[in-house]
């Protein structure tokens, strides 16, 4: 995996969700929706490039407790998005959750690149 892939995937994921929020707010401007779709498709392709040949995703390694602790941070962006929704509605939810998911994807792909368990 190239070194530029984790930050690119994280930024594209965050950018896609933020643009979806902006597309919701400015419904008469379709450019936000187009940018969001492009960002998320590119992010999907970047993350899909980390899958093994044949389309097999490696199973998470370790005990149940280790896997749970490693995968628990994935809930944080959604909790933060819910809090963002309380203060700024749908736009806040999408923006906060998207930025959180982008950061999470960045760090998880760095871990995968460095050989840590999934």
Foldseek 3Di string as FASTA:
>chain_A
DDPVLLLLLLVLQLQLLLLVLVCVVVVVDCPSVVSSVVSVVVSVVSVQVVADPPRHRDDFDDDPVVVCVVPVLLCVLQVQLVVLCVVPNPSRSSNSSSNSVSVVSSVVVVCVVVPHTD
